[in-house]
Amino acid sequence: MHLQVSKGPTTSTVPDVTSLSQSDAQAQLKASGFGVQIVSQPVTDPSQDGIVQTQDPPGGSKAPPGSTVTIAVGKFGETSPPGPP
């Protein structure tokens, strides 16, 4: 009789991609075996346009391979239109 003991589901460490460009973040996450979902986050600093502001799950945490990491990418100039005077 052969008994195999499972250590539970396999997890991988999520890379920290905050402060990277959107394309670099996507490449690093995909290379680590994760899917990527992108959401826009308005920023007031033009130097943050196209830069990852936050991610979920956070870098350094454990997640199953193939799971999706959501990154919020800065979008400069994306503001609400002013209301009527």
Protein backbone atom coordinates (compact mmCIF):
# COMPACT_ATOMS: atom_id res chain seq x y z
CA MET A 1 0.00 0.00 0.00
CA HIS A 2 1.32 3.45 -0.96
CA LEU A 3 0.19 6.53 0.95
CA GLN A 4 0.88 10.01 -0.36
CA VAL A 5 0.54 12.92 2.03
CA SER A 6 -0.43 16.27 0.57
CA LYS A 7 1.15 19.44 1.86
CA GLY A 8 -1.97 21.32 0.74
CA PRO A 9 -2.39 23.44 -2.34
CA THR A 10 0.76 24.78 -3.92
CA THR A 11 1.31 28.50 -3.49
CA SER A 12 3.81 30.93 -4.96
CA THR A 13 5.10 34.23 -3.66
CA VAL A 14 3.49 37.19 -5.40
CA PRO A 15 6.19 39.57 -6.71
CA ASP A 16 6.02 43.21 -5.59
CA VAL A 17 5.36 45.17 -8.78
CA THR A 18 4.41 48.51 -7.24
CA SER A 19 6.38 51.42 -8.73
CA LEU A 20 7.00 49.47 -11.95
CA SER A 21 5.59 50.43 -15.33
CA GLN A 22 2.43 48.62 -16.38
CA SER A 23 4.27 46.58 -19.03
CA ASP A 24 7.10 45.59 -16.67
CA ALA A 25 4.60 44.63 -13.96
CA GLN A 26 2.57 42.49 -16.37
CA ALA A 27 5.70 40.74 -17.65
CA GLN A 28 6.97 40.00 -14.14
CA LEU A 29 3.61 38.69 -12.91
CA LYS A 30 3.07 36.51 -15.99
CA ALA A 31 6.62 35.14 -15.72
CA SER A 32 5.82 34.18 -12.11
CA GLY A 33 2.72 32.28 -13.23
CA PHE A 34 0.01 34.78 -12.29
CA GLY A 35 -2.79 36.35 -14.30
CA VAL A 36 -3.11 40.14 -14.40
CA GLN A 37 -6.13 42.40 -14.08
CA ILE A 38 -5.57 46.11 -14.66
CA VAL A 39 -7.61 48.94 -13.20
CA SER A 40 -6.98 52.67 -13.62
CA GLN A 41 -6.28 54.91 -10.66
CA PRO A 42 -6.35 58.70 -11.15
CA VAL A 43 -3.09 60.43 -10.18
CA THR A 44 -2.21 64.12 -9.98
CA ASP A 45 1.52 63.65 -10.60
CA PRO A 46 2.35 63.19 -14.30
CA SER A 47 5.43 61.12 -13.38
CA GLN A 48 3.07 58.44 -11.97
CA ASP A 49 1.18 58.02 -15.26
CA GLY A 50 1.43 54.36 -16.30
CA ILE A 51 3.07 53.32 -13.00
CA VAL A 52 1.61 50.64 -10.70
CA GLN A 53 0.26 52.35 -7.57
CA THR A 54 -1.14 49.34 -5.68
CA GLN A 55 -1.62 45.62 -6.15
CA ASP A 56 -3.86 42.93 -4.67
CA PRO A 57 -2.73 40.53 -3.32
CA PRO A 58 0.27 42.51 -2.07
CA GLY A 59 3.84 41.65 -2.99
CA GLY A 60 5.42 39.04 -0.75
CA SER A 61 2.13 37.29 0.01
CA LYS A 62 1.34 33.72 -1.09
CA ALA A 63 -1.22 32.87 -3.76
CA PRO A 64 -2.02 29.83 -5.89
CA PRO A 65 -0.21 29.77 -9.26
CA GLY A 66 -2.52 30.94 -12.03
CA SER A 67 -4.51 33.21 -9.74
CA THR A 68 -5.10 36.82 -10.75
CA VAL A 69 -3.22 39.80 -9.33
CA THR A 70 -5.04 43.12 -9.70
CA ILE A 71 -2.80 46.12 -10.34
CA ALA A 72 -3.96 49.73 -10.12
CA VAL A 73 -2.10 51.75 -12.75
CA GLY A 74 -1.81 55.53 -12.45
CA LYS A 75 -3.69 57.55 -15.05
CA PHE A 76 -2.74 61.23 -15.13
CA GLY A 77 -5.43 63.74 -16.05
CA GLU A 78 -8.32 61.38 -15.34
CA THR A 79 -10.49 63.69 -13.27
CA SER A 80 -14.21 64.17 -12.94
CA PRO A 81 -15.62 66.98 -15.07
CA PRO A 82 -16.51 70.08 -13.07
CA GLY A 83 -20.14 70.47 -12.10
CA PRO A 84 -22.33 73.22 -13.52
CA PRO A 85 -21.57 76.73 -12.21
